[in-house]
């Protein structure tokens, strides 16, 4: 199936699923289309070849990321919900991007060690309460010159206050808030000041 058709199908499925579900853990909570387009442009513009995504859900955002990569590129994507992991794998096959994706299943704090190489790009779209605890590990995985993008930066800004405060205390990180979708916080990692 053509990529654009898969994306449209997943958008519709996401809307229908999230309207029907009352339990938040069963919702997909996918990014908006303009966020997907924005991520795709960022991946290409930064020349990223290795990506880490925290929060796969049903794979909608992962497909945007993987399809923007060069042939040899790879996305490590982390999801704790087994049902969503299975759904995402099916969607990756449909979108013909499975060869560029490594699914890590479980709590991010436990499976992050399975990412055995540094990455150029991180997309953070999961449980915002965990971001401060994960911050140091995530930025240790991110190459200098790499970019971290955090979703929901305007829609849930209150839940990100501790994380943004942590970011501001790092002398090698530069941030910018971009009003795309639900708000994207861009964090550029430079060299540590000595």
N, C-alpha and C. Protein backbone atom coordinates (compact mmCIF):
# COMPACT_ATOMS: atom_id res chain seq x y z
N UNK A 1 0.85 -1.19 0.00
CA UNK A 1 0.00 0.00 0.00
C UNK A 1 0.89 1.24 0.00
N UNK A 2 0.50 2.24 -0.77
CA UNK A 2 1.28 3.46 -0.87
C UNK A 2 1.34 4.18 0.48
N UNK A 3 2.48 4.79 0.78
CA UNK A 3 2.71 5.43 2.08
C UNK A 3 1.62 6.45 2.43
N UNK A 4 1.29 7.31 1.49
CA UNK A 4 0.27 8.34 1.75
C UNK A 4 -1.06 7.70 2.14
N UNK A 5 -1.43 6.60 1.50
CA UNK A 5 -2.69 5.92 1.83
C UNK A 5 -2.64 5.32 3.23
N UNK A 6 -1.49 4.76 3.59
CA UNK A 6 -1.31 4.20 4.95
C UNK A 6 -1.46 5.31 5.98
N UNK A 7 -0.80 6.44 5.73
CA UNK A 7 -0.85 7.56 6.67
C UNK A 7 -2.30 8.04 6.85
N UNK A 8 -3.02 8.20 5.75
CA UNK A 8 -4.43 8.64 5.83
C UNK A 8 -5.27 7.61 6.58
N UNK A 9 -5.04 6.34 6.31
CA UNK A 9 -5.79 5.27 6.97
C UNK A 9 -5.53 5.30 8.48
N UNK A 10 -4.27 5.48 8.88
CA UNK A 10 -3.93 5.52 10.31
C UNK A 10 -4.47 6.77 10.98
N UNK A 11 -4.51 7.88 10.26
CA UNK A 11 -5.09 9.11 10.82
C UNK A 11 -6.56 8.88 11.16
N UNK A 12 -7.29 8.31 10.21
CA UNK A 12 -8.72 8.05 10.42
C UNK A 12 -8.93 7.04 11.54
N UNK A 13 -8.14 5.99 11.54
CA UNK A 13 -8.22 4.98 12.59
C UNK A 13 -7.95 5.60 13.97
N UNK A 14 -6.95 6.48 14.02
CA UNK A 14 -6.61 7.15 15.28
C UNK A 14 -7.76 7.98 15.82
N UNK A 15 -8.40 8.73 14.95
CA UNK A 15 -9.54 9.57 15.36
C UNK A 15 -10.68 8.69 15.87
N UNK A 16 -11.02 7.66 15.10
CA UNK A 16 -12.13 6.77 15.48
C UNK A 16 -11.84 6.03 16.78
N UNK A 17 -10.61 5.51 16.91
CA UNK A 17 -10.23 4.77 18.12
C UNK A 17 -10.30 5.68 19.35
N UNK A 18 -9.71 6.87 19.25
CA UNK A 18 -9.62 7.74 20.42
C UNK A 18 -10.98 8.27 20.85
N UNK A 19 -11.90 8.42 19.90
CA UNK A 19 -13.27 8.83 20.26
C UNK A 19 -14.01 7.71 20.96
N UNK A 20 -13.73 6.47 20.56
CA UNK A 20 -14.45 5.31 21.10
C UNK A 20 -13.92 4.85 22.46
N UNK A 21 -12.64 5.12 22.75
CA UNK A 21 -12.01 4.61 23.97
C UNK A 21 -12.23 5.55 25.16
N UNK A 22 -12.51 4.98 26.30
CA UNK A 22 -12.61 5.78 27.52
C UNK A 22 -11.34 5.62 28.37
N UNK A 23 -10.68 4.49 28.23
CA UNK A 23 -9.43 4.23 28.95
C UNK A 23 -8.27 4.85 28.16
N UNK A 24 -7.57 5.80 28.79
CA UNK A 24 -6.48 6.51 28.11
C UNK A 24 -5.41 5.56 27.57
N UNK A 25 -5.16 4.45 28.28
CA UNK A 25 -4.11 3.53 27.84
C UNK A 25 -4.46 2.83 26.52
N UNK A 26 -5.73 2.84 26.14
CA UNK A 26 -6.15 2.23 24.88
C UNK A 26 -6.24 3.24 23.74
N UNK A 27 -6.03 4.51 24.05
CA UNK A 27 -6.05 5.53 23.00
C UNK A 27 -4.70 5.54 22.30
N UNK A 28 -4.70 5.94 21.02
CA UNK A 28 -3.45 6.03 20.27
C UNK A 28 -2.74 7.36 20.53
N UNK A 29 -3.53 8.43 20.69
CA UNK A 29 -2.97 9.76 20.96
C UNK A 29 -1.87 10.12 19.96
N UNK A 30 -2.16 9.88 18.68
CA UNK A 30 -1.17 10.12 17.64
C UNK A 30 -0.85 11.60 17.47
N UNK A 31 0.32 11.86 16.93
CA UNK A 31 0.70 13.23 16.58
C UNK A 31 -0.22 13.72 15.45
N UNK A 32 -0.24 15.01 15.24
CA UNK A 32 -1.02 15.58 14.14
C UNK A 32 -0.24 15.41 12.83
N UNK A 33 -0.94 15.51 11.72
CA UNK A 33 -0.28 15.37 10.42
C UNK A 33 0.82 16.41 10.24
N UNK A 34 0.54 17.67 10.63
CA UNK A 34 1.58 18.70 10.45
C UNK A 34 2.81 18.42 11.30
N UNK A 35 2.62 17.76 12.44
CA UNK A 35 3.77 17.34 13.25
C UNK A 35 4.56 16.26 12.52
N UNK A 36 3.85 15.31 11.91
CA UNK A 36 4.52 14.27 11.13
C UNK A 36 5.34 14.85 10.00
N UNK A 37 4.75 15.80 9.29
CA UNK A 37 5.46 16.46 8.18
C UNK A 37 6.68 17.22 8.70
N UNK A 38 6.50 17.88 9.85
CA UNK A 38 7.58 18.65 10.47
C UNK A 38 8.73 17.72 10.88
N UNK A 39 8.40 16.59 11.52
CA UNK A 39 9.42 15.62 11.92
C UNK A 39 10.18 15.09 10.71
N UNK A 40 9.44 14.82 9.64
CA UNK A 40 10.06 14.31 8.41
C UNK A 40 11.08 15.31 7.87
N UNK A 41 10.70 16.58 7.84
CA UNK A 41 11.61 17.63 7.36
C UNK A 41 12.83 17.74 8.28
N UNK A 42 12.61 17.69 9.59
CA UNK A 42 13.72 17.79 10.54
C UNK A 42 14.71 16.63 10.38
N UNK A 43 14.19 15.42 10.23
CA UNK A 43 15.06 14.26 10.05
C UNK A 43 15.92 14.44 8.81
N UNK A 44 15.30 14.85 7.72
CA UNK A 44 16.05 15.05 6.47
C UNK A 44 17.04 16.21 6.58
N UNK A 45 16.60 17.31 7.18
CA UNK A 45 17.46 18.51 7.27
C UNK A 45 18.67 18.29 8.17
N UNK A 46 18.50 17.48 9.22
CA UNK A 46 19.62 17.22 10.14
C UNK A 46 20.52 16.10 9.64
N UNK A 47 20.09 15.39 8.60
CA UNK A 47 20.88 14.27 8.09
C UNK A 47 20.91 13.10 9.04
N UNK A 48 19.90 13.00 9.90
CA UNK A 48 19.85 11.92 10.90
C UNK A 48 19.81 10.55 10.22
N UNK A 49 20.54 9.60 10.79
CA UNK A 49 20.46 8.22 10.29
C UNK A 49 20.06 7.24 11.40
N UNK A 50 20.20 7.67 12.65
CA UNK A 50 19.80 6.84 13.79
C UNK A 50 18.85 7.67 14.66
N UNK A 51 17.65 7.10 14.90
CA UNK A 51 16.61 7.81 15.66
C UNK A 51 16.17 6.95 16.83
N UNK A 52 15.87 7.60 17.94
CA UNK A 52 15.24 6.95 19.08
C UNK A 52 13.89 7.61 19.30
N UNK A 53 12.85 6.79 19.35
CA UNK A 53 11.50 7.30 19.63
C UNK A 53 11.02 6.68 20.92
N UNK A 54 10.55 7.52 21.83
CA UNK A 54 9.98 7.04 23.09
C UNK A 54 8.47 7.22 22.97
N UNK A 55 7.75 6.11 22.83
CA UNK A 55 6.29 6.15 22.67
C UNK A 55 5.89 5.80 21.24
N UNK A 56 5.80 4.51 20.93
CA UNK A 56 5.45 4.06 19.58
C UNK A 56 3.96 4.20 19.30
N UNK A 57 3.13 3.86 20.29
CA UNK A 57 1.69 3.70 20.12
C UNK A 57 1.44 2.74 18.97
N UNK A 58 0.61 3.10 18.00
CA UNK A 58 0.33 2.19 16.89
C UNK A 58 1.26 2.41 15.70
N UNK A 59 2.31 3.22 15.88
CA UNK A 59 3.35 3.36 14.87
C UNK A 59 3.19 4.51 13.90
N UNK A 60 2.17 5.35 14.10
CA UNK A 60 1.94 6.46 13.16
C UNK A 60 3.15 7.39 13.06
N UNK A 61 3.63 7.87 14.20
CA UNK A 61 4.79 8.79 14.18
C UNK A 61 6.05 8.06 13.73
N UNK A 62 6.17 6.78 14.09
CA UNK A 62 7.34 6.00 13.71
C UNK A 62 7.45 5.89 12.19
N UNK A 63 6.32 5.74 11.54
CA UNK A 63 6.30 5.65 10.07
C UNK A 63 6.78 6.96 9.45
N UNK A 64 6.36 8.09 10.00
CA UNK A 64 6.86 9.39 9.52
C UNK A 64 8.38 9.45 9.66
N UNK A 65 8.89 9.04 10.82
CA UNK A 65 10.33 9.10 11.09
C UNK A 65 11.10 8.15 10.16
N UNK A 66 10.66 6.90 10.10
CA UNK A 66 11.38 5.89 9.31
C UNK A 66 11.38 6.22 7.82
N UNK A 67 10.27 6.75 7.33
CA UNK A 67 10.19 7.03 5.89
C UNK A 67 11.05 8.23 5.50
N UNK A 68 11.48 9.02 6.47
CA UNK A 68 12.36 10.18 6.19
C UNK A 68 13.84 9.80 6.21
N UNK A 69 14.14 8.61 6.71
CA UNK A 69 15.53 8.18 6.84
C UNK A 69 16.14 7.72 5.51
N UNK A 70 17.47 7.79 5.42
CA UNK A 70 18.13 7.16 4.26
C UNK A 70 17.97 5.64 4.36
N UNK A 71 18.31 4.93 3.29
CA UNK A 71 18.13 3.46 3.23
C UNK A 71 18.76 2.74 4.42
N UNK A 72 19.94 3.19 4.83
CA UNK A 72 20.65 2.51 5.91
C UNK A 72 20.22 3.00 7.30
N UNK A 73 19.25 3.91 7.37
CA UNK A 73 18.83 4.48 8.64
C UNK A 73 18.06 3.50 9.51
N UNK A 74 17.95 3.84 10.81
CA UNK A 74 17.28 2.96 11.76
C UNK A 74 16.57 3.79 12.82
N UNK A 75 15.35 3.32 13.18
CA UNK A 75 14.59 3.90 14.29
C UNK A 75 14.48 2.84 15.39
N UNK A 76 14.93 3.19 16.59
CA UNK A 76 14.65 2.39 17.78
C UNK A 76 13.40 3.01 18.38
N UNK A 77 12.35 2.23 18.55
CA UNK A 77 11.12 2.78 19.11
C UNK A 77 10.68 1.96 20.31
N UNK A 78 10.30 2.66 21.38
CA UNK A 78 10.00 2.03 22.66
C UNK A 78 8.50 2.14 22.97
N UNK A 79 7.90 1.01 23.30
CA UNK A 79 6.48 0.98 23.68
C UNK A 79 6.27 -0.08 24.75
N UNK A 80 5.48 0.24 25.77
CA UNK A 80 5.25 -0.72 26.86
C UNK A 80 3.96 -1.52 26.69
N UNK A 81 3.03 -1.04 25.87
CA UNK A 81 1.74 -1.71 25.70
C UNK A 81 1.86 -2.80 24.62
N UNK A 82 1.78 -4.09 25.00
CA UNK A 82 1.99 -5.18 24.03
C UNK A 82 1.02 -5.16 22.85
N UNK A 83 -0.23 -4.77 23.09
CA UNK A 83 -1.21 -4.71 22.00
C UNK A 83 -0.80 -3.66 20.97
N UNK A 84 -0.33 -2.51 21.45
CA UNK A 84 0.11 -1.44 20.54
C UNK A 84 1.37 -1.87 19.78
N UNK A 85 2.24 -2.60 20.44
CA UNK A 85 3.46 -3.11 19.79
C UNK A 85 3.08 -3.98 18.59
N UNK A 86 2.11 -4.88 18.80
CA UNK A 86 1.65 -5.78 17.74
C UNK A 86 1.01 -4.98 16.60
N UNK A 87 0.14 -4.04 16.95
CA UNK A 87 -0.51 -3.21 15.92
C UNK A 87 0.53 -2.42 15.12
N UNK A 88 1.51 -1.87 15.83
CA UNK A 88 2.55 -1.08 15.16
C UNK A 88 3.32 -1.94 14.17
N UNK A 89 3.66 -3.16 14.55
CA UNK A 89 4.41 -4.05 13.66
C UNK A 89 3.65 -4.30 12.37
N UNK A 90 2.34 -4.50 12.47
CA UNK A 90 1.50 -4.69 11.29
C UNK A 90 1.53 -3.44 10.41
N UNK A 91 1.43 -2.28 11.05
CA UNK A 91 1.44 -1.02 10.31
C UNK A 91 2.79 -0.76 9.64
N UNK A 92 3.87 -1.16 10.30
CA UNK A 92 5.21 -0.99 9.70
C UNK A 92 5.34 -1.84 8.44
N UNK A 93 4.79 -3.06 8.50
CA UNK A 93 4.80 -3.94 7.32
C UNK A 93 4.01 -3.31 6.17
N UNK A 94 2.81 -2.82 6.49
CA UNK A 94 1.97 -2.19 5.47
C UNK A 94 2.68 -1.01 4.81
N UNK A 95 3.39 -0.23 5.63
CA UNK A 95 4.07 0.97 5.13
C UNK A 95 5.44 0.65 4.52
N UNK A 96 5.83 -0.63 4.58
CA UNK A 96 7.10 -1.08 4.00
C UNK A 96 8.32 -0.40 4.63
N UNK A 97 8.26 -0.21 5.97
CA UNK A 97 9.39 0.41 6.68
C UNK A 97 9.95 -0.49 7.78
N UNK A 98 9.46 -1.73 7.87
CA UNK A 98 9.88 -2.65 8.95
C UNK A 98 11.39 -2.82 9.03
N UNK A 99 12.05 -2.82 7.88
CA UNK A 99 13.50 -3.06 7.87
C UNK A 99 14.28 -1.92 8.51
N UNK A 100 13.64 -0.78 8.74
CA UNK A 100 14.31 0.37 9.34
C UNK A 100 13.92 0.57 10.81
N UNK A 101 13.21 -0.40 11.39
CA UNK A 101 12.67 -0.19 12.74
C UNK A 101 13.03 -1.35 13.66
N UNK A 102 13.51 -1.00 14.84
CA UNK A 102 13.74 -1.98 15.92
C UNK A 102 12.78 -1.61 17.04
N UNK A 103 11.85 -2.53 17.33
CA UNK A 103 10.88 -2.29 18.39
C UNK A 103 11.43 -2.79 19.71
N UNK A 104 11.42 -1.92 20.70
CA UNK A 104 11.83 -2.29 22.05
C UNK A 104 10.58 -2.29 22.91
N UNK A 105 10.31 -3.41 23.56
CA UNK A 105 9.06 -3.59 24.27
C UNK A 105 9.30 -3.59 25.78
N UNK A 106 8.62 -2.67 26.46
CA UNK A 106 8.73 -2.60 27.91
C UNK A 106 8.82 -1.18 28.40
N UNK A 107 9.02 -1.04 29.69
CA UNK A 107 9.18 0.27 30.31
C UNK A 107 10.48 0.89 29.80
N UNK A 108 10.41 2.15 29.40
CA UNK A 108 11.57 2.81 28.78
C UNK A 108 12.80 2.77 29.68
N UNK A 109 12.61 2.93 30.99
CA UNK A 109 13.76 2.94 31.90
C UNK A 109 14.48 1.59 31.91
N UNK A 110 13.75 0.53 31.59
CA UNK A 110 14.34 -0.80 31.58
C UNK A 110 14.92 -1.19 30.22
N UNK A 111 14.31 -0.74 29.13
CA UNK A 111 14.76 -1.19 27.80
C UNK A 111 15.69 -0.20 27.10
N UNK A 112 15.89 0.97 27.68
CA UNK A 112 16.75 1.97 27.05
C UNK A 112 18.17 1.44 26.84
N UNK A 113 18.62 0.56 27.72
CA UNK A 113 19.94 -0.04 27.60
C UNK A 113 20.12 -0.90 26.36
N UNK A 114 19.00 -1.27 25.71
CA UNK A 114 19.06 -2.07 24.49
C UNK A 114 19.43 -1.23 23.26
N UNK A 115 19.43 0.08 23.43
CA UNK A 115 19.90 0.96 22.35
C UNK A 115 21.42 0.99 22.49
N UNK A 116 22.11 0.29 21.59
CA UNK A 116 23.53 0.04 21.75
C UNK A 116 24.43 1.02 21.01
N UNK A 117 23.82 2.05 20.42
CA UNK A 117 24.62 3.04 19.70
C UNK A 117 24.03 4.43 19.93
N UNK A 118 24.84 5.44 19.71
CA UNK A 118 24.34 6.80 19.84
C UNK A 118 23.40 7.12 18.68
N UNK A 119 22.53 8.09 18.90
CA UNK A 119 21.54 8.47 17.90
C UNK A 119 21.70 9.94 17.55
N UNK A 120 21.15 10.31 16.39
CA UNK A 120 21.23 11.69 15.91
C UNK A 120 19.97 12.49 16.24
N UNK A 121 18.90 11.76 16.58
CA UNK A 121 17.58 12.39 16.70
C UNK A 121 16.76 11.60 17.70
N UNK A 122 16.08 12.29 18.60
CA UNK A 122 15.19 11.63 19.57
C UNK A 122 13.83 12.29 19.48
N UNK A 123 12.78 11.47 19.40
CA UNK A 123 11.41 11.98 19.46
C UNK A 123 10.79 11.46 20.74
N UNK A 124 10.39 12.39 21.60
CA UNK A 124 9.90 12.09 22.94
C UNK A 124 8.40 12.35 22.98
N UNK A 125 7.61 11.27 23.09
CA UNK A 125 6.16 11.39 23.10
C UNK A 125 5.56 10.27 23.93
N UNK A 126 5.76 10.35 25.24
CA UNK A 126 5.31 9.28 26.13
C UNK A 126 4.83 9.89 27.45
N UNK A 127 5.06 9.18 28.54
CA UNK A 127 4.63 9.63 29.86
C UNK A 127 5.54 10.78 30.31
N UNK A 128 4.99 11.98 30.29
CA UNK A 128 5.78 13.19 30.56
C UNK A 128 6.36 13.23 31.98
N UNK A 129 5.77 12.47 32.90
CA UNK A 129 6.28 12.43 34.28
C UNK A 129 7.66 11.79 34.35
N UNK A 130 8.03 11.00 33.33
CA UNK A 130 9.30 10.27 33.36
C UNK A 130 10.46 11.04 32.73
N UNK A 131 10.18 12.16 32.08
CA UNK A 131 11.20 12.82 31.27
C UNK A 131 12.41 13.29 32.07
N UNK A 132 12.19 13.86 33.24
CA UNK A 132 13.33 14.36 34.03
C UNK A 132 14.22 13.18 34.45
N UNK A 133 13.60 12.09 34.90
CA UNK A 133 14.36 10.91 35.32
C UNK A 133 15.15 10.31 34.15
N UNK A 134 14.62 10.43 32.93
CA UNK A 134 15.27 9.87 31.75
C UNK A 134 16.26 10.83 31.10
N UNK A 135 16.17 12.11 31.42
CA UNK A 135 16.87 13.16 30.67
C UNK A 135 18.37 12.88 30.47
N UNK A 136 19.06 12.59 31.55
CA UNK A 136 20.50 12.40 31.43
C UNK A 136 20.84 11.22 30.51
N UNK A 137 20.12 10.12 30.66
CA UNK A 137 20.36 8.95 29.81
C UNK A 137 20.07 9.26 28.34
N UNK A 138 19.00 9.99 28.10
CA UNK A 138 18.64 10.34 26.72
C UNK A 138 19.71 11.22 26.08
N UNK A 139 20.14 12.24 26.80
CA UNK A 139 21.13 13.15 26.22
C UNK A 139 22.52 12.51 26.12
N UNK A 140 22.78 11.49 26.93
CA UNK A 140 24.03 10.73 26.75
C UNK A 140 23.99 9.90 25.47
N UNK A 141 22.80 9.47 25.06
CA UNK A 141 22.64 8.70 23.82
C UNK A 141 22.66 9.60 22.58
N UNK A 142 22.34 10.88 22.77
CA UNK A 142 22.23 11.80 21.63
C UNK A 142 23.61 12.33 21.26
N UNK A 143 23.96 12.20 20.00
CA UNK A 143 25.24 12.74 19.51
C UNK A 143 25.29 14.25 19.65
N UNK A 144 26.50 14.80 19.80
CA UNK A 144 26.66 16.25 19.73
C UNK A 144 26.20 16.69 18.34
N UNK A 145 25.46 17.78 18.29
CA UNK A 145 24.88 18.22 17.03
C UNK A 145 23.54 17.57 16.76
N UNK A 146 23.11 16.71 17.68
CA UNK A 146 21.83 16.01 17.53
C UNK A 146 20.66 16.84 18.04
N UNK A 147 19.47 16.35 17.74
CA UNK A 147 18.25 17.08 18.06
C UNK A 147 17.27 16.17 18.79
N UNK A 148 16.72 16.68 19.90
CA UNK A 148 15.63 16.01 20.59
C UNK A 148 14.37 16.84 20.35
N UNK A 149 13.29 16.19 20.00
CA UNK A 149 12.01 16.87 19.79
C UNK A 149 11.02 16.29 20.78
N UNK A 150 10.40 17.16 21.56
CA UNK A 150 9.44 16.75 22.59
C UNK A 150 8.05 17.22 22.17
N UNK A 151 7.12 16.27 22.04
CA UNK A 151 5.74 16.59 21.63
C UNK A 151 4.94 17.12 22.82
N UNK A 152 3.80 17.72 22.53
CA UNK A 152 2.86 18.24 23.53
C UNK A 152 3.44 19.38 24.37
N UNK A 153 4.36 20.14 23.79
CA UNK A 153 5.04 21.18 24.57
C UNK A 153 4.15 22.38 24.88
N UNK A 154 3.10 22.60 24.09
CA UNK A 154 2.15 23.66 24.44
C UNK A 154 0.87 23.08 25.03
N UNK A 155 0.41 21.95 24.50
CA UNK A 155 -0.85 21.36 24.99
C UNK A 155 -0.74 20.86 26.43
N UNK A 156 0.46 20.45 26.84
CA UNK A 156 0.67 19.94 28.20
C UNK A 156 1.91 20.61 28.84
N UNK A 157 2.04 21.90 28.61
CA UNK A 157 3.23 22.62 29.09
C UNK A 157 3.42 22.52 30.60
N UNK A 158 2.31 22.48 31.35
CA UNK A 158 2.42 22.37 32.81
C UNK A 158 3.07 21.06 33.23
N UNK A 159 2.83 19.98 32.46
CA UNK A 159 3.42 18.69 32.79
C UNK A 159 4.90 18.63 32.40
N UNK A 160 5.35 19.60 31.62
CA UNK A 160 6.75 19.61 31.17
C UNK A 160 7.61 20.64 31.91
N UNK A 161 7.04 21.30 32.91
CA UNK A 161 7.78 22.37 33.61
C UNK A 161 9.09 21.89 34.21
N UNK A 162 9.07 20.74 34.89
CA UNK A 162 10.30 20.24 35.53
C UNK A 162 11.33 19.86 34.46
N UNK A 163 10.88 19.29 33.35
CA UNK A 163 11.78 18.90 32.27
C UNK A 163 12.39 20.14 31.61
N UNK A 164 11.58 21.14 31.33
CA UNK A 164 12.12 22.35 30.70
C UNK A 164 13.07 23.08 31.64
N UNK A 165 12.79 23.03 32.94
CA UNK A 165 13.71 23.63 33.92
C UNK A 165 15.05 22.89 33.90
N UNK A 166 15.00 21.56 33.82
CA UNK A 166 16.23 20.76 33.74
C UNK A 166 17.02 21.15 32.49
N UNK A 167 16.33 21.26 31.37
CA UNK A 167 16.99 21.62 30.10
C UNK A 167 17.71 22.96 30.21
N UNK A 168 17.05 23.93 30.83
CA UNK A 168 17.62 25.28 30.94
C UNK A 168 18.87 25.31 31.80
N UNK A 169 19.03 24.31 32.67
CA UNK A 169 20.22 24.24 33.54
C UNK A 169 21.41 23.58 32.86
N UNK A 170 21.25 23.10 31.63
CA UNK A 170 22.34 22.45 30.90
C UNK A 170 22.98 23.47 29.96
N UNK A 171 24.30 23.68 30.10
CA UNK A 171 24.94 24.73 29.30
C UNK A 171 25.20 24.33 27.85
N UNK A 172 24.96 23.06 27.51
CA UNK A 172 25.22 22.62 26.14
C UNK A 172 23.93 22.38 25.33
N UNK A 173 22.79 22.77 25.89
CA UNK A 173 21.51 22.56 25.20
C UNK A 173 20.87 23.88 24.83
N UNK A 174 20.36 23.96 23.61
CA UNK A 174 19.66 25.14 23.12
C UNK A 174 18.24 24.70 22.78
N UNK A 175 17.25 25.43 23.28
CA UNK A 175 15.86 25.04 23.05
C UNK A 175 15.10 26.07 22.22
N UNK A 176 14.08 25.58 21.54
CA UNK A 176 13.17 26.45 20.79
C UNK A 176 11.80 25.80 20.77
N UNK A 177 10.77 26.57 21.09
CA UNK A 177 9.40 26.06 21.08
C UNK A 177 8.76 26.43 19.74
N UNK A 178 8.28 25.42 19.03
CA UNK A 178 7.70 25.63 17.70
C UNK A 178 6.21 25.32 17.75
N UNK A 179 5.36 26.28 17.33
CA UNK A 179 3.91 26.08 17.41
C UNK A 179 3.36 25.22 16.26
N UNK A 180 3.79 23.98 16.19
CA UNK A 180 3.29 23.02 15.21
C UNK A 180 2.54 21.95 16.00
N UNK A 181 1.38 21.53 15.49
CA UNK A 181 0.61 20.49 16.18
C UNK A 181 0.26 20.90 17.59
N UNK A 182 0.66 20.08 18.55
CA UNK A 182 0.38 20.35 19.96
C UNK A 182 1.57 21.03 20.64
N UNK A 183 2.47 21.57 19.81
CA UNK A 183 3.67 22.25 20.31
C UNK A 183 4.85 21.30 20.34
N UNK A 184 5.91 21.69 19.64
CA UNK A 184 7.11 20.86 19.59
C UNK A 184 8.27 21.63 20.22
N UNK A 185 8.86 21.05 21.25
CA UNK A 185 10.03 21.64 21.89
C UNK A 185 11.26 21.02 21.25
N UNK A 186 12.05 21.84 20.57
CA UNK A 186 13.28 21.38 19.93
C UNK A 186 14.44 21.64 20.87
N UNK A 187 15.29 20.64 21.05
CA UNK A 187 16.46 20.77 21.92
C UNK A 187 17.69 20.33 21.13
N UNK A 188 18.58 21.28 20.88
CA UNK A 188 19.82 21.01 20.15
C UNK A 188 20.93 20.74 21.16
N UNK A 189 21.69 19.67 20.94
CA UNK A 189 22.79 19.33 21.85
C UNK A 189 24.11 19.78 21.24
N UNK A 190 24.79 20.70 21.92
CA UNK A 190 26.12 21.14 21.50
C UNK A 190 27.18 20.53 22.38
N UNK A 191 28.39 21.00 22.21
CA UNK A 191 29.52 20.52 23.04
C UNK A 191 29.37 21.04 24.47
N UNK A 192 29.77 20.22 25.44
CA UNK A 192 29.79 20.67 26.85
C UNK A 192 30.82 21.77 27.01
N UNK A 193 30.45 22.79 27.77
CA UNK A 193 31.39 23.88 28.08
C UNK A 193 32.33 23.40 29.18
N UNK A 194 33.62 23.71 29.02
CA UNK A 194 34.60 23.30 30.05
C UNK A 194 35.20 24.50 30.74
